[in-house]
């Protein structure tokens, strides 16, 4: 955590709120999502989507509490603080794997210390695996979930060349693999759809599967994104749009119902 999230120029919100809203708007009504550790932005996005445009979205809080509706997002996204209002609880944290393997849970979100142009993620080591400069928390299921889940979303509140790298030091979670048809050739479903960052939103170019600028946050230029990214950023045809402004209703719901305690800011 580096301090309070910045105010978005010309928008009546802060960058954490813009990221949550942008993430939320990408979620369809048939989303069946669950969450991992330190996932405050995705958790808030799931809850906001369900209260706005995707009322049938299913969210398993901490991968245990189905359709949870807690009063606040607590100190951890793996805590039982999130279980309030759930329609059912799994018997064990391991129970969700059955649903993930069969894609009954179809949506998961990853964040890592490193991400590459194809949406692959490293959260294991910085430097050589057997003699690393930094030993990171680990994949926590990324290796399996990246192969099982058809709808993968990425996010990062720190957009810089140390996070967005040309080559990962270790591949903890699979995105589009080596790009192109690599993932499909392995018989794996789906793949990454979006990456929401503190500077922009990326989608993935359909043929190469490389990250491509989908929108720029207000006050951010293409040059700003490229200088903060360790690989070549693909551009869409024509002018890059500005990330759409959150509505007054979305901000009100986020601030008063979804996350009144501001837990999402712990990622900044």
Protein backbone atom coordinates (compact mmCIF):
# COMPACT_ATOMS: atom_id res chain seq x y z
CA UNK A 1 0.00 0.00 0.00
CA UNK A 2 1.57 3.30 -1.13
CA UNK A 3 -1.06 5.83 -0.03
CA UNK A 4 -4.50 7.11 -0.92
CA UNK A 5 -5.56 6.36 -4.50
CA UNK A 6 -5.31 9.31 -6.87
CA UNK A 7 -8.28 11.36 -7.97
CA UNK A 8 -9.19 10.74 -11.62
CA UNK A 9 -8.91 13.99 -13.63
CA UNK A 10 -12.33 15.36 -14.67
CA UNK A 11 -14.16 12.42 -13.07
CA UNK A 12 -15.77 12.65 -9.64
CA UNK A 13 -14.04 9.49 -8.42
CA UNK A 14 -10.68 8.03 -7.47
CA UNK A 15 -8.66 5.51 -9.45
CA UNK A 16 -9.71 2.59 -7.23
CA UNK A 17 -13.34 3.38 -7.98
CA UNK A 18 -12.69 3.69 -11.71
CA UNK A 19 -10.91 0.32 -11.75
CA UNK A 20 -13.72 -1.42 -9.86
CA UNK A 21 -16.38 0.03 -12.17
CA UNK A 22 -14.44 -0.82 -15.34
CA UNK A 23 -13.93 -4.38 -14.07
CA UNK A 24 -17.58 -4.65 -13.05
CA UNK A 25 -18.91 -3.58 -16.44
CA UNK A 26 -17.00 -6.41 -18.12
CA UNK A 27 -18.89 -9.07 -16.13
CA UNK A 28 -21.88 -10.75 -17.77
CA UNK A 29 -25.09 -11.91 -16.09
CA UNK A 30 -24.01 -15.55 -16.41
CA UNK A 31 -20.78 -14.98 -14.45
CA UNK A 32 -20.09 -17.70 -11.87
CA UNK A 33 -17.12 -16.31 -9.98
CA UNK A 34 -15.02 -17.01 -6.93
CA UNK A 35 -12.03 -15.21 -5.46
CA UNK A 36 -8.60 -15.79 -4.02
CA UNK A 37 -6.36 -13.92 -1.59
CA UNK A 38 -5.92 -10.12 -1.57
CA UNK A 39 -8.57 -9.72 -4.26
CA UNK A 40 -10.34 -6.59 -3.04
CA UNK A 41 -10.80 -5.03 -6.49
CA UNK A 42 -12.39 -8.14 -8.07
CA UNK A 43 -14.57 -8.80 -5.01
CA UNK A 44 -15.91 -5.25 -5.18
CA UNK A 45 -16.43 -5.61 -8.94
CA UNK A 46 -18.43 -8.84 -8.53
CA UNK A 47 -20.62 -7.24 -5.88
CA UNK A 48 -21.15 -4.06 -7.90
CA UNK A 49 -22.06 -5.95 -11.08
CA UNK A 50 -24.64 -8.00 -9.19
CA UNK A 51 -26.25 -4.83 -7.85
CA UNK A 52 -26.38 -3.12 -11.25
CA UNK A 53 -26.40 -4.85 -14.65
CA UNK A 54 -25.83 -8.54 -13.71
CA UNK A 55 -28.36 -9.51 -11.01
CA UNK A 56 -27.95 -13.24 -11.69
CA UNK A 57 -24.17 -13.19 -11.19
CA UNK A 58 -23.08 -15.87 -8.70
CA UNK A 59 -20.16 -15.14 -6.42
CA UNK A 60 -18.62 -17.67 -4.03
CA UNK A 61 -16.91 -15.57 -1.38
CA UNK A 62 -13.51 -16.97 -0.42
CA UNK A 63 -14.49 -19.91 -2.69
CA UNK A 64 -16.79 -21.12 0.11
CA UNK A 65 -19.85 -18.87 0.66
CA UNK A 66 -22.19 -18.95 -2.33
CA UNK A 67 -24.12 -15.74 -3.02
CA UNK A 68 -22.63 -14.06 0.02
CA UNK A 69 -23.77 -10.51 0.78
CA UNK A 70 -21.64 -9.19 3.65
CA UNK A 71 -22.27 -5.77 5.15
CA UNK A 72 -18.64 -4.81 4.49
CA UNK A 73 -15.61 -6.26 2.74
CA UNK A 74 -13.41 -7.24 5.67
CA UNK A 75 -9.70 -7.37 6.35
CA UNK A 76 -9.10 -10.34 4.03
CA UNK A 77 -10.83 -11.71 0.96
CA UNK A 78 -10.26 -15.23 2.30
CA UNK A 79 -11.81 -14.47 5.68
CA UNK A 80 -15.18 -15.65 7.01
CA UNK A 81 -15.95 -11.93 7.35
CA UNK A 82 -17.18 -12.21 3.74
CA UNK A 83 -19.63 -15.03 4.35
CA UNK A 84 -22.58 -13.03 5.66
CA UNK A 85 -25.89 -13.52 3.86
CA UNK A 86 -24.70 -16.57 1.90
CA UNK A 87 -27.29 -19.02 0.56
CA UNK A 88 -24.96 -21.93 1.34
CA UNK A 89 -21.48 -22.74 2.59
CA UNK A 90 -19.23 -25.40 1.12
CA UNK A 91 -18.16 -28.11 3.56
CA UNK A 92 -14.49 -27.48 2.82
CA UNK A 93 -12.35 -24.94 0.96
CA UNK A 94 -11.38 -27.83 -1.32
CA UNK A 95 -14.96 -28.35 -2.52
CA UNK A 96 -14.74 -25.56 -5.09
CA UNK A 97 -12.24 -27.54 -7.18
CA UNK A 98 -14.98 -29.85 -8.46
CA UNK A 99 -16.95 -26.88 -9.74
CA UNK A 100 -13.84 -25.24 -11.19
CA UNK A 101 -12.78 -28.38 -13.06
CA UNK A 102 -16.18 -28.62 -14.72
CA UNK A 103 -16.28 -24.85 -15.39
CA UNK A 104 -19.46 -24.44 -13.35
CA UNK A 105 -17.40 -21.68 -11.85
CA UNK A 106 -16.44 -19.88 -15.05
CA UNK A 107 -14.69 -16.72 -13.84
CA UNK A 108 -11.57 -15.98 -11.81
CA UNK A 109 -9.23 -12.99 -11.47
CA UNK A 110 -5.44 -13.02 -11.19
CA UNK A 111 -2.93 -10.43 -10.07
CA UNK A 112 0.80 -11.11 -9.99
CA UNK A 113 4.15 -9.53 -9.30
CA UNK A 114 4.83 -9.91 -13.02
CA UNK A 115 2.54 -10.16 -16.05
CA UNK A 116 3.56 -10.54 -19.67
CA UNK A 117 1.99 -9.50 -22.97
CA UNK A 118 -0.01 -12.73 -23.22
CA UNK A 119 -1.59 -12.48 -19.77
CA UNK A 120 0.65 -15.06 -18.12
CA UNK A 121 1.35 -14.32 -14.45
CA UNK A 122 4.29 -14.79 -12.07
CA UNK A 123 3.78 -14.76 -8.33
CA UNK A 124 6.52 -17.25 -7.38
CA UNK A 125 10.04 -15.82 -7.69
CA UNK A 126 11.98 -12.85 -9.01
CA UNK A 127 15.21 -14.09 -10.52
CA UNK A 128 16.30 -17.70 -11.06
CA UNK A 129 13.94 -20.19 -9.46
CA UNK A 130 16.61 -22.03 -7.43
CA UNK A 131 18.44 -18.87 -6.32
CA UNK A 132 15.90 -16.06 -6.52
CA UNK A 133 16.39 -12.43 -5.60
CA UNK A 134 12.91 -12.48 -4.07
CA UNK A 135 10.77 -15.43 -3.03
CA UNK A 136 7.13 -14.41 -3.62
CA UNK A 137 3.98 -15.83 -1.93
CA UNK A 138 3.45 -18.45 -4.64
CA UNK A 139 0.80 -19.30 -7.18
CA UNK A 140 -1.91 -20.36 -4.76
CA UNK A 141 -3.70 -22.48 -7.36
CA UNK A 142 -2.86 -20.28 -10.37
CA UNK A 143 -1.25 -23.15 -12.27
CA UNK A 144 -4.45 -25.20 -12.15
CA UNK A 145 -7.03 -22.45 -12.30
CA UNK A 146 -5.36 -20.76 -15.26
CA UNK A 147 -5.95 -23.96 -17.21
CA UNK A 148 -9.48 -24.74 -15.97
CA UNK A 149 -11.32 -21.44 -15.91
CA UNK A 150 -12.60 -20.13 -19.26
CA UNK A 151 -12.97 -16.48 -18.24
CA UNK A 152 -9.84 -15.00 -16.73
CA UNK A 153 -9.55 -11.36 -15.71
CA UNK A 154 -6.33 -9.64 -14.71
CA UNK A 155 -5.82 -6.50 -12.68
CA UNK A 156 -2.97 -4.48 -11.23
CA UNK A 157 -2.96 -1.34 -9.14
CA UNK A 158 0.74 -0.88 -9.93
CA UNK A 159 1.36 -0.33 -13.63
CA UNK A 160 5.10 -0.16 -14.21
CA UNK A 161 7.84 -1.99 -16.16
CA UNK A 162 8.67 -4.17 -13.14
CA UNK A 163 5.11 -5.54 -13.21
CA UNK A 164 4.44 -5.64 -16.96
CA UNK A 165 7.49 -7.44 -18.31
CA UNK A 166 8.67 -8.82 -21.63
CA UNK A 167 9.47 -12.19 -20.06
CA UNK A 168 8.37 -13.66 -16.75
CA UNK A 169 10.99 -14.97 -14.35
CA UNK A 170 8.59 -17.85 -13.65
CA UNK A 171 5.19 -18.75 -15.06
CA UNK A 172 2.89 -19.33 -12.08
CA UNK A 173 -0.38 -19.01 -14.00
CA UNK A 174 -1.23 -19.50 -17.65
CA UNK A 175 -2.90 -16.84 -19.71
CA UNK A 176 -2.63 -17.19 -23.48
CA UNK A 177 0.66 -19.08 -23.08
CA UNK A 178 2.97 -18.29 -25.99
CA UNK A 179 0.19 -16.50 -27.85
CA UNK A 180 -1.74 -17.34 -30.98
CA UNK A 181 -3.38 -20.76 -30.77
CA UNK A 182 -1.06 -22.05 -28.03
CA UNK A 183 -3.76 -22.26 -25.37
CA UNK A 184 -6.27 -23.87 -27.73
CA UNK A 185 -3.65 -26.38 -28.89
CA UNK A 186 -3.38 -27.58 -25.29
CA UNK A 187 -7.11 -28.21 -25.20
CA UNK A 188 -7.70 -25.49 -22.62
CA UNK A 189 -10.92 -23.47 -22.52
CA UNK A 190 -11.20 -19.70 -22.87
CA UNK A 191 -8.43 -17.44 -21.66
CA UNK A 192 -7.81 -13.90 -20.39
CA UNK A 193 -10.38 -11.31 -21.44
CA UNK A 194 -9.26 -8.03 -19.90
CA UNK A 195 -6.53 -6.54 -17.76
CA UNK A 196 -7.60 -3.51 -15.73
CA UNK A 197 -4.74 -1.37 -14.40
CA UNK A 198 -4.20 1.97 -12.72
CA UNK A 199 -3.42 3.53 -16.13
CA UNK A 200 -5.66 1.79 -18.64
CA UNK A 201 -7.70 -1.22 -19.67
CA UNK A 202 -6.15 -3.84 -21.96
CA UNK A 203 -7.98 -6.42 -24.02
CA UNK A 204 -6.26 -9.12 -26.09
CA UNK A 205 -5.82 -8.96 -29.85
CA UNK A 206 -7.82 -11.90 -31.27
CA UNK A 207 -5.11 -13.43 -33.47
CA UNK A 208 -1.85 -12.88 -31.58
CA UNK A 209 -3.48 -12.84 -28.10
CA UNK A 210 -1.20 -9.98 -27.06
CA UNK A 211 -2.36 -7.22 -24.73
CA UNK A 212 -3.90 -4.34 -26.65
CA UNK A 213 -5.02 -0.96 -25.37
CA UNK A 214 -8.79 -0.96 -25.01
CA UNK A 215 -9.04 2.38 -23.19
CA UNK A 216 -6.93 4.98 -21.43
CA UNK A 217 -7.89 6.42 -18.07
CA UNK A 218 -8.37 10.21 -18.11
CA UNK A 219 -5.10 12.14 -18.12
CA UNK A 220 -3.09 9.13 -19.36
CA UNK A 221 -1.52 9.04 -22.83
CA UNK A 222 -0.47 6.15 -25.04
CA UNK A 223 3.11 7.22 -24.39
CA UNK A 224 2.54 7.05 -20.62
CA UNK A 225 1.32 3.47 -20.91
CA UNK A 226 4.14 2.41 -23.22
CA UNK A 227 6.82 3.89 -20.97
CA UNK A 228 5.30 2.05 -18.00
CA UNK A 229 5.14 -1.28 -19.85
CA UNK A 230 8.07 -3.59 -20.49
CA UNK A 231 6.73 -4.93 -23.78
CA UNK A 232 5.35 -3.35 -26.94
CA UNK A 233 1.76 -2.27 -26.39
CA UNK A 234 -0.57 -3.00 -29.28
CA UNK A 235 -2.99 -0.25 -30.31
CA UNK A 236 -6.49 -0.60 -31.72
CA UNK A 237 -7.43 0.76 -35.11
CA UNK A 238 -8.22 4.44 -34.78
CA UNK A 239 -8.09 6.57 -31.66
CA UNK A 240 -7.81 4.89 -28.27
CA UNK A 241 -10.98 5.67 -26.27
CA UNK A 242 -11.05 7.06 -22.75
CA UNK A 243 -12.26 4.68 -20.04
CA UNK A 244 -15.94 5.44 -19.53
CA UNK A 245 -16.88 7.56 -16.54
CA UNK A 246 -18.60 5.76 -13.64
CA UNK A 247 -22.21 6.78 -13.23
CA UNK A 248 -23.43 8.51 -10.10
CA UNK A 249 -25.48 5.39 -9.31
CA UNK A 250 -22.48 3.06 -9.63
CA UNK A 251 -20.37 5.25 -7.36
CA UNK A 252 -23.15 5.56 -4.80
CA UNK A 253 -23.68 1.79 -4.68
CA UNK A 254 -19.93 1.12 -4.48
CA UNK A 255 -19.40 3.63 -1.69
CA UNK A 256 -22.47 2.89 0.43
CA UNK A 257 -23.42 -0.76 -0.23
CA UNK A 258 -20.58 -2.69 -1.83
CA UNK A 259 -17.55 -1.36 0.04
CA UNK A 260 -18.45 1.34 2.58
CA UNK A 261 -15.26 0.67 4.56
CA UNK A 262 -13.02 1.29 1.51
CA UNK A 263 -11.34 -2.12 1.62
CA UNK A 264 -10.50 -1.81 -2.09
CA UNK A 265 -7.95 0.89 -1.19
CA UNK A 266 -5.77 -1.68 0.59
CA UNK A 267 -4.36 -2.63 -2.80
CA UNK A 268 -2.95 0.85 -3.39
